[in-house]
């Protein structure tokens, strides 16, 4: 077994122990927010909005989206189409230490 395989096994074991500690909470629903971008508009600009108008966001189309829960960044991904629905493909998980 290589060092990388040992590290992966150790991480897997650690993750399993963490999951077991949270066993009673695993079925709770948690709201997720998928953020495409953000911007600020003046009240005048908001009042002038109309159907088919465009609001420019802070990100370019290639930058992807953030997946957040409880105002904390959880992952980054990209918008995909799944049949007639929209989804998010997770490209990166964000680990935040408290």
PDB file of N, CA and C in Angstrom:
ATOM      1  N   UNK A   1       0.853  -1.181   0.000  1.00  0.00           N
ATOM      2  CA  UNK A   1       0.000   0.000   0.000  1.00  0.00           C
ATOM      3  C   UNK A   1       0.898   1.243   0.000  1.00  0.00           C
ATOM      4  N   UNK A   2       0.593   2.186  -0.902  1.00  0.00           N
ATOM      5  CA  UNK A   2       1.394   3.398  -0.992  1.00  0.00           C
ATOM      6  C   UNK A   2       1.002   4.387   0.097  1.00  0.00           C
ATOM      7  N   UNK A   3       1.815   5.398   0.258  1.00  0.00           N
ATOM      8  CA  UNK A   3       1.549   6.445   1.251  1.00  0.00           C
ATOM      9  C   UNK A   3       0.228   7.150   0.965  1.00  0.00           C
ATOM     10  N   UNK A   4      -0.046   7.427  -0.317  1.00  0.00           N
ATOM     11  CA  UNK A   4      -1.307   8.088  -0.688  1.00  0.00           C
ATOM     12  C   UNK A   4      -2.508   7.215  -0.349  1.00  0.00           C
ATOM     13  N   UNK A   5      -2.388   5.897  -0.579  1.00  0.00           N
ATOM     14  CA  UNK A   5      -3.481   4.988  -0.255  1.00  0.00           C
ATOM     15  C   UNK A   5      -3.702   4.923   1.254  1.00  0.00           C
ATOM     16  N   UNK A   6      -2.604   4.944   2.028  1.00  0.00           N
ATOM     17  CA  UNK A   6      -2.725   4.949   3.485  1.00  0.00           C
ATOM     18  C   UNK A   6      -3.383   6.225   3.970  1.00  0.00           C
ATOM     19  N   UNK A   7      -2.996   7.359   3.378  1.00  0.00           N
ATOM     20  CA  UNK A   7      -3.610   8.640   3.735  1.00  0.00           C
ATOM     21  C   UNK A   7      -5.095   8.631   3.422  1.00  0.00           C
ATOM     22  N   UNK A   8      -5.461   8.093   2.252  1.00  0.00           N
ATOM     23  CA  UNK A   8      -6.864   8.022   1.849  1.00  0.00           C
ATOM     24  C   UNK A   8      -7.654   7.129   2.802  1.00  0.00           C
ATOM     25  N   UNK A   9      -7.081   5.977   3.175  1.00  0.00           N
ATOM     26  CA  UNK A   9      -7.748   5.083   4.120  1.00  0.00           C
ATOM     27  C   UNK A   9      -7.916   5.744   5.483  1.00  0.00           C
ATOM     28  N   UNK A  10      -6.895   6.447   5.935  1.00  0.00           N
ATOM     29  CA  UNK A  10      -6.962   7.144   7.216  1.00  0.00           C
ATOM     30  C   UNK A  10      -8.051   8.216   7.187  1.00  0.00           C
ATOM     31  N   UNK A  11      -8.112   8.969   6.097  1.00  0.00           N
ATOM     32  CA  UNK A  11      -9.125  10.013   5.954  1.00  0.00           C
ATOM     33  C   UNK A  11     -10.520   9.397   5.918  1.00  0.00           C
ATOM     34  N   UNK A  12     -10.672   8.305   5.185  1.00  0.00           N
ATOM     35  CA  UNK A  12     -11.950   7.607   5.087  1.00  0.00           C
ATOM     36  C   UNK A  12     -12.412   7.139   6.467  1.00  0.00           C
ATOM     37  N   UNK A  13     -11.502   6.563   7.248  1.00  0.00           N
ATOM     38  CA  UNK A  13     -11.820   6.097   8.599  1.00  0.00           C
ATOM     39  C   UNK A  13     -12.225   7.267   9.494  1.00  0.00           C
ATOM     40  N   UNK A  14     -11.490   8.361   9.395  1.00  0.00           N
ATOM     41  CA  UNK A  14     -11.804   9.561  10.176  1.00  0.00           C
ATOM     42  C   UNK A  14     -13.174  10.111   9.791  1.00  0.00           C
ATOM     43  N   UNK A  15     -13.453  10.155   8.495  1.00  0.00           N
ATOM     44  CA  UNK A  15     -14.747  10.647   8.024  1.00  0.00           C
ATOM     45  C   UNK A  15     -15.889   9.760   8.520  1.00  0.00           C
ATOM     46  N   UNK A  16     -15.686   8.439   8.477  1.00  0.00           N
ATOM     47  CA  UNK A  16     -16.713   7.515   8.951  1.00  0.00           C
ATOM     48  C   UNK A  16     -16.998   7.745  10.430  1.00  0.00           C
ATOM     49  N   UNK A  17     -15.956   7.980  11.225  1.00  0.00           N
ATOM     50  CA  UNK A  17     -16.133   8.247  12.659  1.00  0.00           C
ATOM     51  C   UNK A  17     -16.917   9.543  12.862  1.00  0.00           C
ATOM     52  N   UNK A  18     -16.623  10.567  12.067  1.00  0.00           N
ATOM     53  CA  UNK A  18     -17.353  11.841  12.167  1.00  0.00           C
ATOM     54  C   UNK A  18     -18.816  11.654  11.788  1.00  0.00           C
ATOM     55  N   UNK A  19     -19.048  10.896  10.722  1.00  0.00           N
ATOM     56  CA  UNK A  19     -20.427  10.651  10.278  1.00  0.00           C
ATOM     57  C   UNK A  19     -21.197   9.904  11.354  1.00  0.00           C
ATOM     58  N   UNK A  20     -20.574   8.899  11.976  1.00  0.00           N
ATOM     59  CA  UNK A  20     -21.236   8.127  13.028  1.00  0.00           C
ATOM     60  C   UNK A  20     -21.594   9.025  14.214  1.00  0.00           C
ATOM     61  N   UNK A  21     -20.732   9.977  14.537  1.00  0.00           N
ATOM     62  CA  UNK A  21     -21.004  10.896  15.647  1.00  0.00           C
ATOM     63  C   UNK A  21     -22.215  11.779  15.357  1.00  0.00           C
ATOM     64  N   UNK A  22     -22.486  12.025  14.084  1.00  0.00           N
ATOM     65  CA  UNK A  22     -23.608  12.879  13.673  1.00  0.00           C
ATOM     66  C   UNK A  22     -24.814  12.058  13.229  1.00  0.00           C
ATOM     67  N   UNK A  23     -24.821  10.752  13.484  1.00  0.00           N
ATOM     68  CA  UNK A  23     -25.849   9.840  12.986  1.00  0.00           C
ATOM     69  C   UNK A  23     -27.280  10.332  13.237  1.00  0.00           C
ATOM     70  N   UNK A  24     -27.553  10.895  14.396  1.00  0.00           N
ATOM     71  CA  UNK A  24     -28.905  11.344  14.736  1.00  0.00           C
ATOM     72  C   UNK A  24     -29.353  12.558  13.921  1.00  0.00           C
ATOM     73  N   UNK A  25     -28.419  13.239  13.268  1.00  0.00           N
ATOM     74  CA  UNK A  25     -28.750  14.467  12.541  1.00  0.00           C
ATOM     75  C   UNK A  25     -28.724  14.287  11.021  1.00  0.00           C
ATOM     76  N   UNK A  26     -28.360  13.107  10.539  1.00  0.00           N
ATOM     77  CA  UNK A  26     -28.122  12.914   9.102  1.00  0.00           C
ATOM     78  C   UNK A  26     -29.368  13.077   8.239  1.00  0.00           C
ATOM     79  N   UNK A  27     -30.569  12.947   8.812  1.00  0.00           N
ATOM     80  CA  UNK A  27     -31.792  13.070   8.022  1.00  0.00           C
ATOM     81  C   UNK A  27     -32.451  14.444   8.120  1.00  0.00           C
ATOM     82  N   UNK A  28     -31.801  15.400   8.770  1.00  0.00           N
ATOM     83  CA  UNK A  28     -32.338  16.763   8.831  1.00  0.00           C
ATOM     84  C   UNK A  28     -32.212  17.432   7.473  1.00  0.00           C
ATOM     85  N   UNK A  29     -33.236  18.178   7.082  1.00  0.00           N
ATOM     86  CA  UNK A  29     -33.169  18.964   5.848  1.00  0.00           C
ATOM     87  C   UNK A  29     -32.441  20.265   6.125  1.00  0.00           C
ATOM     88  N   UNK A  30     -31.523  20.612   5.239  1.00  0.00           N
ATOM     89  CA  UNK A  30     -30.747  21.842   5.372  1.00  0.00           C
ATOM     90  C   UNK A  30     -30.922  22.633   4.079  1.00  0.00           C
ATOM     91  N   UNK A  31     -31.367  23.887   4.162  1.00  0.00           N
ATOM     92  CA  UNK A  31     -31.527  24.676   2.939  1.00  0.00           C
ATOM     93  C   UNK A  31     -30.177  25.035   2.326  1.00  0.00           C
ATOM     94  N   UNK A  32     -30.091  24.913   1.021  1.00  0.00           N
ATOM     95  CA  UNK A  32     -28.899  25.305   0.273  1.00  0.00           C
ATOM     96  C   UNK A  32     -29.218  26.515  -0.582  1.00  0.00           C
ATOM     97  N   UNK A  33     -28.244  27.368  -0.764  1.00  0.00           N
ATOM     98  CA  UNK A  33     -28.359  28.527  -1.648  1.00  0.00           C
ATOM     99  C   UNK A  33     -27.333  28.355  -2.755  1.00  0.00           C
ATOM    100  N   UNK A  34     -27.776  28.479  -3.995  1.00  0.00           N
ATOM    101  CA  UNK A  34     -26.882  28.432  -5.141  1.00  0.00           C
ATOM    102  C   UNK A  34     -26.760  29.863  -5.644  1.00  0.00           C
ATOM    103  N   UNK A  35     -25.576  30.447  -5.491  1.00  0.00           N
ATOM    104  CA  UNK A  35     -25.388  31.856  -5.844  1.00  0.00           C
ATOM    105  C   UNK A  35     -24.690  31.987  -7.191  1.00  0.00           C
ATOM    106  N   UNK A  36     -25.413  32.590  -8.134  1.00  0.00           N
ATOM    107  CA  UNK A  36     -24.855  32.883  -9.450  1.00  0.00           C
ATOM    108  C   UNK A  36     -23.967  34.116  -9.416  1.00  0.00           C
ATOM    109  N   UNK A  37     -24.308  35.033  -8.573  1.00  0.00           N
ATOM    110  CA  UNK A  37     -23.576  36.297  -8.485  1.00  0.00           C
ATOM    111  C   UNK A  37     -24.400  37.283  -7.690  1.00  0.00           C
ATOM    112  N   UNK A  38     -23.918  38.493  -7.591  1.00  0.00           N
ATOM    113  CA  UNK A  38     -24.659  39.524  -6.878  1.00  0.00           C
ATOM    114  C   UNK A  38     -24.337  40.872  -7.502  1.00  0.00           C
ATOM    115  N   UNK A  39     -25.174  41.830  -7.181  1.00  0.00           N
ATOM    116  CA  UNK A  39     -24.967  43.187  -7.668  1.00  0.00           C
ATOM    117  C   UNK A  39     -25.732  44.135  -6.757  1.00  0.00           C
ATOM    118  N   UNK A  40     -25.537  45.401  -6.950  1.00  0.00           N
ATOM    119  CA  UNK A  40     -26.290  46.427  -6.223  1.00  0.00           C
ATOM    120  C   UNK A  40     -26.951  47.326  -7.253  1.00  0.00           C
ATOM    121  N   UNK A  41     -28.195  47.657  -6.994  1.00  0.00           N
ATOM    122  CA  UNK A  41     -28.926  48.574  -7.857  1.00  0.00           C
ATOM    123  C   UNK A  41     -29.463  49.721  -7.011  1.00  0.00           C
ATOM    124  N   UNK A  42     -29.557  50.862  -7.618  1.00  0.00           N
ATOM    125  CA  UNK A  42     -30.215  51.994  -6.966  1.00  0.00           C
ATOM    126  C   UNK A  42     -31.716  51.753  -7.024  1.00  0.00           C
ATOM    127  N   UNK A  43     -32.439  52.345  -6.084  1.00  0.00           N
ATOM    128  CA  UNK A  43     -33.893  52.196  -6.060  1.00  0.00           C
ATOM    129  C   UNK A  43     -34.482  52.591  -7.410  1.00  0.00           C
ATOM    130  N   UNK A  44     -33.962  53.651  -8.010  1.00  0.00           N
ATOM    131  CA  UNK A  44     -34.437  54.113  -9.317  1.00  0.00           C
ATOM    132  C   UNK A  44     -34.306  52.992 -10.355  1.00  0.00           C
ATOM    133  N   UNK A  45     -33.169  52.296 -10.333  1.00  0.00           N
ATOM    134  CA  UNK A  45     -32.931  51.215 -11.299  1.00  0.00           C
ATOM    135  C   UNK A  45     -33.877  50.032 -11.053  1.00  0.00           C
ATOM    136  N   UNK A  46     -34.157  49.753  -9.789  1.00  0.00           N
ATOM    137  CA  UNK A  46     -35.092  48.673  -9.465  1.00  0.00           C
ATOM    138  C   UNK A  46     -36.485  49.020  -9.971  1.00  0.00           C
ATOM    139  N   UNK A  47     -36.893  50.268  -9.753  1.00  0.00           N
ATOM    140  CA  UNK A  47     -38.225  50.689 -10.204  1.00  0.00           C
ATOM    141  C   UNK A  47     -38.340  50.707 -11.724  1.00  0.00           C
ATOM    142  N   UNK A  48     -37.223  50.824 -12.420  1.00  0.00           N
ATOM    143  CA  UNK A  48     -37.228  50.852 -13.884  1.00  0.00           C
ATOM    144  C   UNK A  48     -37.142  49.455 -14.508  1.00  0.00           C
ATOM    145  N   UNK A  49     -36.994  48.421 -13.684  1.00  0.00           N
ATOM    146  CA  UNK A  49     -36.920  47.065 -14.223  1.00  0.00           C
ATOM    147  C   UNK A  49     -38.212  46.708 -14.939  1.00  0.00           C
ATOM    148  N   UNK A  50     -38.085  45.957 -16.014  1.00  0.00           N
ATOM    149  CA  UNK A  50     -39.264  45.504 -16.753  1.00  0.00           C
ATOM    150  C   UNK A  50     -38.986  44.118 -17.331  1.00  0.00           C
ATOM    151  N   UNK A  51     -40.037  43.473 -17.787  1.00  0.00           N
ATOM    152  CA  UNK A  51     -39.909  42.142 -18.380  1.00  0.00           C
ATOM    153  C   UNK A  51     -38.886  42.176 -19.509  1.00  0.00           C
ATOM    154  N   UNK A  52     -38.083  41.144 -19.603  1.00  0.00           N
ATOM    155  CA  UNK A  52     -37.016  40.976 -20.595  1.00  0.00           C
ATOM    156  C   UNK A  52     -35.819  41.890 -20.348  1.00  0.00           C
ATOM    157  N   UNK A  53     -35.834  42.617 -19.228  1.00  0.00           N
ATOM    158  CA  UNK A  53     -34.679  43.426 -18.859  1.00  0.00           C
ATOM    159  C   UNK A  53     -33.547  42.524 -18.397  1.00  0.00           C
ATOM    160  N   UNK A  54     -32.362  43.065 -18.312  1.00  0.00           N
ATOM    161  CA  UNK A  54     -31.184  42.292 -17.925  1.00  0.00           C
ATOM    162  C   UNK A  54     -30.524  42.946 -16.718  1.00  0.00           C
ATOM    163  N   UNK A  55     -30.173  42.124 -15.742  1.00  0.00           N
ATOM    164  CA  UNK A  55     -29.420  42.587 -14.582  1.00  0.00           C
ATOM    165  C   UNK A  55     -28.037  41.962 -14.689  1.00  0.00           C
ATOM    166  N   UNK A  56     -27.017  42.782 -14.739  1.00  0.00           N
ATOM    167  CA  UNK A  56     -25.647  42.285 -14.849  1.00  0.00           C
ATOM    168  C   UNK A  56     -25.150  41.866 -13.467  1.00  0.00           C
ATOM    169  N   UNK A  57     -24.565  40.669 -13.402  1.00  0.00           N
ATOM    170  CA  UNK A  57     -24.054  40.144 -12.139  1.00  0.00           C
ATOM    171  C   UNK A  57     -22.548  40.329 -12.046  1.00  0.00           C
ATOM    172  N   UNK A  58     -22.014  40.030 -10.865  1.00  0.00           N
ATOM    173  CA  UNK A  58     -20.605  40.269 -10.593  1.00  0.00           C
ATOM    174  C   UNK A  58     -19.683  39.219 -11.212  1.00  0.00           C
ATOM    175  N   UNK A  59     -20.220  38.110 -11.664  1.00  0.00           N
ATOM    176  CA  UNK A  59     -19.396  37.029 -12.213  1.00  0.00           C
ATOM    177  C   UNK A  59     -19.563  36.899 -13.718  1.00  0.00           C
ATOM    178  N   UNK A  60     -18.520  36.364 -14.343  1.00  0.00           N
ATOM    179  CA  UNK A  60     -18.648  36.041 -15.752  1.00  0.00           C
ATOM    180  C   UNK A  60     -19.265  34.649 -15.870  1.00  0.00           C
ATOM    181  N   UNK A  61     -19.697  34.269 -17.055  1.00  0.00           N
ATOM    182  CA  UNK A  61     -20.385  32.998 -17.240  1.00  0.00           C
ATOM    183  C   UNK A  61     -19.511  31.800 -16.926  1.00  0.00           C
ATOM    184  N   UNK A  62     -18.217  31.888 -17.084  1.00  0.00           N
ATOM    185  CA  UNK A  62     -17.339  30.752 -16.838  1.00  0.00           C
ATOM    186  C   UNK A  62     -16.935  30.556 -15.389  1.00  0.00           C
ATOM    187  N   UNK A  63     -17.310  31.452 -14.505  1.00  0.00           N
ATOM    188  CA  UNK A  63     -16.865  31.380 -13.111  1.00  0.00           C
ATOM    189  C   UNK A  63     -17.632  30.391 -12.258  1.00  0.00           C
ATOM    190  N   UNK A  64     -18.741  29.888 -12.713  1.00  0.00           N
ATOM    191  CA  UNK A  64     -19.496  28.906 -11.949  1.00  0.00           C
ATOM    192  C   UNK A  64     -20.335  29.535 -10.859  1.00  0.00           C
ATOM    193  N   UNK A  65     -20.733  28.694  -9.900  1.00  0.00           N
ATOM    194  CA  UNK A  65     -21.635  29.118  -8.830  1.00  0.00           C
ATOM    195  C   UNK A  65     -21.081  28.672  -7.481  1.00  0.00           C
ATOM    196  N   UNK A  66     -21.532  29.337  -6.422  1.00  0.00           N
ATOM    197  CA  UNK A  66     -21.203  28.933  -5.058  1.00  0.00           C
ATOM    198  C   UNK A  66     -22.402  28.196  -4.471  1.00  0.00           C
ATOM    199  N   UNK A  67     -22.132  27.157  -3.705  1.00  0.00           N
ATOM    200  CA  UNK A  67     -23.167  26.438  -2.968  1.00  0.00           C
ATOM    201  C   UNK A  67     -22.959  26.789  -1.502  1.00  0.00           C
ATOM    202  N   UNK A  68     -23.981  27.371  -0.893  1.00  0.00           N
ATOM    203  CA  UNK A  68     -23.869  27.845   0.482  1.00  0.00           C
ATOM    204  C   UNK A  68     -24.978  27.265   1.348  1.00  0.00           C
ATOM    205  N   UNK A  69     -24.679  27.132   2.625  1.00  0.00           N
ATOM    206  CA  UNK A  69     -25.688  26.809   3.614  1.00  0.00           C
ATOM    207  C   UNK A  69     -25.389  27.632   4.860  1.00  0.00           C
ATOM    208  N   UNK A  70     -26.408  28.214   5.420  1.00  0.00           N
ATOM    209  CA  UNK A  70     -26.261  29.040   6.618  1.00  0.00           C
ATOM    210  C   UNK A  70     -25.178  30.109   6.432  1.00  0.00           C
ATOM    211  N   UNK A  71     -25.183  30.756   5.264  1.00  0.00           N
ATOM    212  CA  UNK A  71     -24.227  31.814   4.915  1.00  0.00           C
ATOM    213  C   UNK A  71     -22.775  31.346   4.946  1.00  0.00           C
ATOM    214  N   UNK A  72     -22.546  30.051   4.766  1.00  0.00           N
ATOM    215  CA  UNK A  72     -21.191  29.502   4.725  1.00  0.00           C
ATOM    216  C   UNK A  72     -20.978  28.807   3.393  1.00  0.00           C
ATOM    217  N   UNK A  73     -19.840  29.079   2.776  1.00  0.00           N
ATOM    218  CA  UNK A  73     -19.507  28.449   1.514  1.00  0.00           C
ATOM    219  C   UNK A  73     -19.244  26.970   1.743  1.00  0.00           C
ATOM    220  N   UNK A  74     -19.958  26.127   1.003  1.00  0.00           N
ATOM    221  CA  UNK A  74     -19.849  24.683   1.145  1.00  0.00           C
ATOM    222  C   UNK A  74     -19.108  24.059  -0.039  1.00  0.00           C
ATOM    223  N   UNK A  75     -19.384  24.590  -1.246  1.00  0.00           N
ATOM    224  CA  UNK A  75     -18.796  24.009  -2.456  1.00  0.00           C
ATOM    225  C   UNK A  75     -18.859  25.019  -3.588  1.00  0.00           C
ATOM    226  N   UNK A  76     -18.129  24.712  -4.655  1.00  0.00           N
ATOM    227  CA  UNK A  76     -18.218  25.484  -5.898  1.00  0.00           C
ATOM    228  C   UNK A  76     -18.559  24.510  -7.011  1.00  0.00           C
ATOM    229  N   UNK A  77     -19.331  24.979  -7.970  1.00  0.00           N
ATOM    230  CA  UNK A  77     -19.750  24.086  -9.042  1.00  0.00           C
ATOM    231  C   UNK A  77     -20.122  24.835 -10.297  1.00  0.00           C
ATOM    232  N   UNK A  78     -20.754  24.107 -11.208  1.00  0.00           N
ATOM    233  CA  UNK A  78     -21.177  24.686 -12.470  1.00  0.00           C
ATOM    234  C   UNK A  78     -22.616  24.276 -12.752  1.00  0.00           C
ATOM    235  N   UNK A  79     -23.336  25.149 -13.428  1.00  0.00           N
ATOM    236  CA  UNK A  79     -24.718  24.889 -13.805  1.00  0.00           C
ATOM    237  C   UNK A  79     -24.743  23.858 -14.926  1.00  0.00           C
ATOM    238  N   UNK A  80     -25.603  22.843 -14.789  1.00  0.00           N
ATOM    239  CA  UNK A  80     -25.774  21.839 -15.837  1.00  0.00           C
ATOM    240  C   UNK A  80     -27.267  21.634 -16.086  1.00  0.00           C
ATOM    241  N   UNK A  81     -27.592  21.045 -17.219  1.00  0.00           N
ATOM    242  CA  UNK A  81     -28.975  20.690 -17.532  1.00  0.00           C
ATOM    243  C   UNK A  81     -29.136  19.188 -17.323  1.00  0.00           C
ATOM    244  N   UNK A  82     -30.193  18.787 -16.622  1.00  0.00           N
ATOM    245  CA  UNK A  82     -30.535  17.388 -16.402  1.00  0.00           C
ATOM    246  C   UNK A  82     -31.944  17.215 -16.953  1.00  0.00           C
ATOM    247  N   UNK A  83     -32.018  16.684 -18.175  1.00  0.00           N
ATOM    248  CA  UNK A  83     -33.276  16.594 -18.910  1.00  0.00           C
ATOM    249  C   UNK A  83     -33.878  17.994 -18.997  1.00  0.00           C
ATOM    250  N   UNK A  84     -35.032  18.232 -18.376  1.00  0.00           N
ATOM    251  CA  UNK A  84     -35.655  19.556 -18.460  1.00  0.00           C
ATOM    252  C   UNK A  84     -35.446  20.373 -17.182  1.00  0.00           C
ATOM    253  N   UNK A  85     -34.490  19.955 -16.346  1.00  0.00           N
ATOM    254  CA  UNK A  85     -34.219  20.640 -15.083  1.00  0.00           C
ATOM    255  C   UNK A  85     -32.809  21.201 -15.068  1.00  0.00           C
ATOM    256  N   UNK A  86     -32.589  22.136 -14.177  1.00  0.00           N
ATOM    257  CA  UNK A  86     -31.263  22.705 -13.973  1.00  0.00           C
ATOM    258  C   UNK A  86     -30.660  22.092 -12.728  1.00  0.00           C
ATOM    259  N   UNK A  87     -29.364  21.837 -12.748  1.00  0.00           N
ATOM    260  CA  UNK A  87     -28.674  21.284 -11.588  1.00  0.00           C
ATOM    261  C   UNK A  87     -27.310  21.928 -11.428  1.00  0.00           C
ATOM    262  N   UNK A  88     -26.583  21.498 -10.431  1.00  0.00           N
ATOM    263  CA  UNK A  88     -25.235  21.990 -10.172  1.00  0.00           C
ATOM    264  C   UNK A  88     -24.296  20.798 -10.058  1.00  0.00           C
ATOM    265  N   UNK A  89     -23.256  20.790 -10.868  1.00  0.00           N
ATOM    266  CA  UNK A  89     -22.198  19.782 -10.747  1.00  0.00           C
ATOM    267  C   UNK A  89     -21.152  20.343  -9.786  1.00  0.00           C
ATOM    268  N   UNK A  90     -20.876  19.626  -8.709  1.00  0.00           N
ATOM    269  CA  UNK A  90     -19.908  20.076  -7.715  1.00  0.00           C
ATOM    270  C   UNK A  90     -18.502  19.829  -8.250  1.00  0.00           C
ATOM    271  N   UNK A  91     -17.716  20.887  -8.333  1.00  0.00           N
ATOM    272  CA  UNK A  91     -16.329  20.789  -8.801  1.00  0.00           C
ATOM    273  C   UNK A  91     -15.324  20.847  -7.661  1.00  0.00           C
ATOM    274  N   UNK A  92     -15.725  21.457  -6.543  1.00  0.00           N
ATOM    275  CA  UNK A  92     -14.784  21.636  -5.435  1.00  0.00           C
ATOM    276  C   UNK A  92     -15.549  21.735  -4.133  1.00  0.00           C
ATOM    277  N   UNK A  93     -15.143  20.938  -3.151  1.00  0.00           N
ATOM    278  CA  UNK A  93     -15.696  21.048  -1.806  1.00  0.00           C
ATOM    279  C   UNK A  93     -14.820  22.009  -1.015  1.00  0.00           C
ATOM    280  N   UNK A  94     -15.420  22.866  -0.227  1.00  0.00           N
ATOM    281  CA  UNK A  94     -14.698  23.856   0.559  1.00  0.00           C
ATOM    282  C   UNK A  94     -14.675  23.384   2.020  1.00  0.00           C
ATOM    283  N   UNK A  95     -13.493  23.241   2.571  1.00  0.00           N
ATOM    284  CA  UNK A  95     -13.334  22.824   3.964  1.00  0.00           C
ATOM    285  C   UNK A  95     -13.005  24.060   4.776  1.00  0.00           C
ATOM    286  N   UNK A  96     -13.856  24.360   5.747  1.00  0.00           N
ATOM    287  CA  UNK A  96     -13.635  25.513   6.612  1.00  0.00           C
ATOM    288  C   UNK A  96     -13.442  25.017   8.035  1.00  0.00           C
ATOM    289  N   UNK A  97     -12.340  25.369   8.608  1.00  0.00           N
ATOM    290  CA  UNK A  97     -12.060  25.014   9.998  1.00  0.00           C
ATOM    291  C   UNK A  97     -12.614  26.111  10.895  1.00  0.00           C
ATOM    292  N   UNK A  98     -13.263  25.714  11.975  1.00  0.00           N
ATOM    293  CA  UNK A  98     -13.810  26.707  12.920  1.00  0.00           C
ATOM    294  C   UNK A  98     -12.816  27.020  13.991  1.00  0.00           C
TER     295      UNK A  98
END
